[in-house]
């Protein structure tokens, strides 16, 4: 069974991976795509990143439960990613 320290290290590495990918998405140049396609592609990548977080960190669907069961650092990052999506195109 892994030690608490090793579990914390694994979680820290996963957070770093998510943070790095989030930064890459925000800085990504989508080239010659239309504004709509650009935003749609970015939203899709952010949604995929959120799904990865839900899987890795067992983030519950309801915010009330997530606040109880998810570390504040993970939940803050998850909310930042969620808020980075742009729904104005829909």
Protein backbone atom coordinates (compact mmCIF):
# COMPACT_ATOMS: atom_id res chain seq x y z
CA UNK A 1 0.00 0.00 0.00
CA UNK A 2 1.44 3.42 -0.94
CA UNK A 3 2.38 5.76 1.85
CA UNK A 4 0.50 9.01 2.44
CA UNK A 5 3.60 10.87 1.28
CA UNK A 6 3.74 9.01 -2.04
CA UNK A 7 0.01 9.55 -2.62
CA UNK A 8 0.50 13.27 -2.01
CA UNK A 9 3.43 13.31 -4.45
CA UNK A 10 1.34 11.60 -7.13
CA UNK A 11 -1.49 14.07 -6.61
CA UNK A 12 0.97 16.97 -6.81
CA UNK A 13 2.37 15.64 -10.11
CA UNK A 14 -1.12 15.26 -11.53
CA UNK A 15 -1.95 18.85 -10.55
CA UNK A 16 1.24 20.03 -12.28
CA UNK A 17 0.27 18.13 -15.44
CA UNK A 18 -3.20 19.69 -15.45
CA UNK A 19 -1.82 23.18 -14.78
CA UNK A 20 0.68 22.83 -17.63
CA UNK A 21 -1.98 21.57 -20.05
CA UNK A 22 -4.35 24.38 -18.99
CA UNK A 23 -1.68 26.96 -19.70
CA UNK A 24 -0.98 25.38 -23.10
CA UNK A 25 -4.67 25.55 -24.02
CA UNK A 26 -4.94 29.21 -23.01
CA UNK A 27 -1.84 30.13 -25.02
CA UNK A 28 -2.63 27.96 -28.04
CA UNK A 29 -2.82 29.55 -31.47
CA UNK A 30 -5.58 27.95 -33.49
CA UNK A 31 -4.28 29.41 -36.73
CA UNK A 32 -6.64 30.35 -39.50
CA UNK A 33 -9.80 29.04 -37.88
CA UNK A 34 -12.82 31.30 -37.58
CA UNK A 35 -13.52 32.89 -34.24
CA UNK A 36 -16.34 30.40 -33.63
CA UNK A 37 -14.19 27.36 -34.48
CA UNK A 38 -11.36 28.74 -32.34
CA UNK A 39 -13.63 29.10 -29.31
CA UNK A 40 -15.32 25.77 -29.97
CA UNK A 41 -11.96 23.94 -30.15
CA UNK A 42 -10.72 25.67 -27.01
CA UNK A 43 -13.92 24.82 -25.12
CA UNK A 44 -13.60 21.19 -26.19
CA UNK A 45 -10.02 20.97 -24.93
CA UNK A 46 -11.01 22.57 -21.62
CA UNK A 47 -13.94 20.15 -21.26
CA UNK A 48 -11.58 17.23 -21.91
CA UNK A 49 -9.20 18.55 -19.26
CA UNK A 50 -12.07 18.84 -16.79
CA UNK A 51 -13.09 15.24 -17.51
CA UNK A 52 -9.53 14.12 -16.88
CA UNK A 53 -9.57 15.92 -13.54
CA UNK A 54 -12.92 14.34 -12.61
CA UNK A 55 -11.42 10.93 -13.27
CA UNK A 56 -8.06 11.49 -11.58
CA UNK A 57 -9.38 13.25 -8.48
CA UNK A 58 -12.87 11.71 -8.16
CA UNK A 59 -14.54 15.12 -8.29
CA UNK A 60 -18.27 14.76 -7.51
CA UNK A 61 -20.89 16.26 -9.82
CA UNK A 62 -22.50 18.52 -7.21
CA UNK A 63 -20.49 21.51 -5.98
CA UNK A 64 -21.69 21.01 -2.41
CA UNK A 65 -20.25 17.48 -2.41
CA UNK A 66 -17.09 18.58 -4.23
CA UNK A 67 -16.40 21.17 -1.53
CA UNK A 68 -16.57 18.41 1.09
CA UNK A 69 -14.70 15.68 -0.80
CA UNK A 70 -12.13 17.44 -3.00
CA UNK A 71 -8.97 19.22 -1.94
CA UNK A 72 -9.30 23.02 -2.15
CA UNK A 73 -6.35 23.28 -4.55
CA UNK A 74 -7.84 20.74 -6.95
CA UNK A 75 -11.30 22.30 -6.75
CA UNK A 76 -9.91 25.81 -7.35
CA UNK A 77 -8.05 24.64 -10.46
CA UNK A 78 -11.13 22.78 -11.69
CA UNK A 79 -13.25 25.91 -11.29
CA UNK A 80 -10.64 28.06 -13.07
CA UNK A 81 -10.72 25.69 -16.02
CA UNK A 82 -14.51 25.65 -16.01
CA UNK A 83 -14.68 29.44 -15.92
CA UNK A 84 -12.22 29.70 -18.83
CA UNK A 85 -14.80 28.18 -21.19
CA UNK A 86 -16.72 30.59 -23.42
CA UNK A 87 -20.43 29.85 -23.83
CA UNK A 88 -21.21 33.02 -25.81
CA UNK A 89 -20.85 31.10 -29.08
CA UNK A 90 -23.73 28.73 -28.31
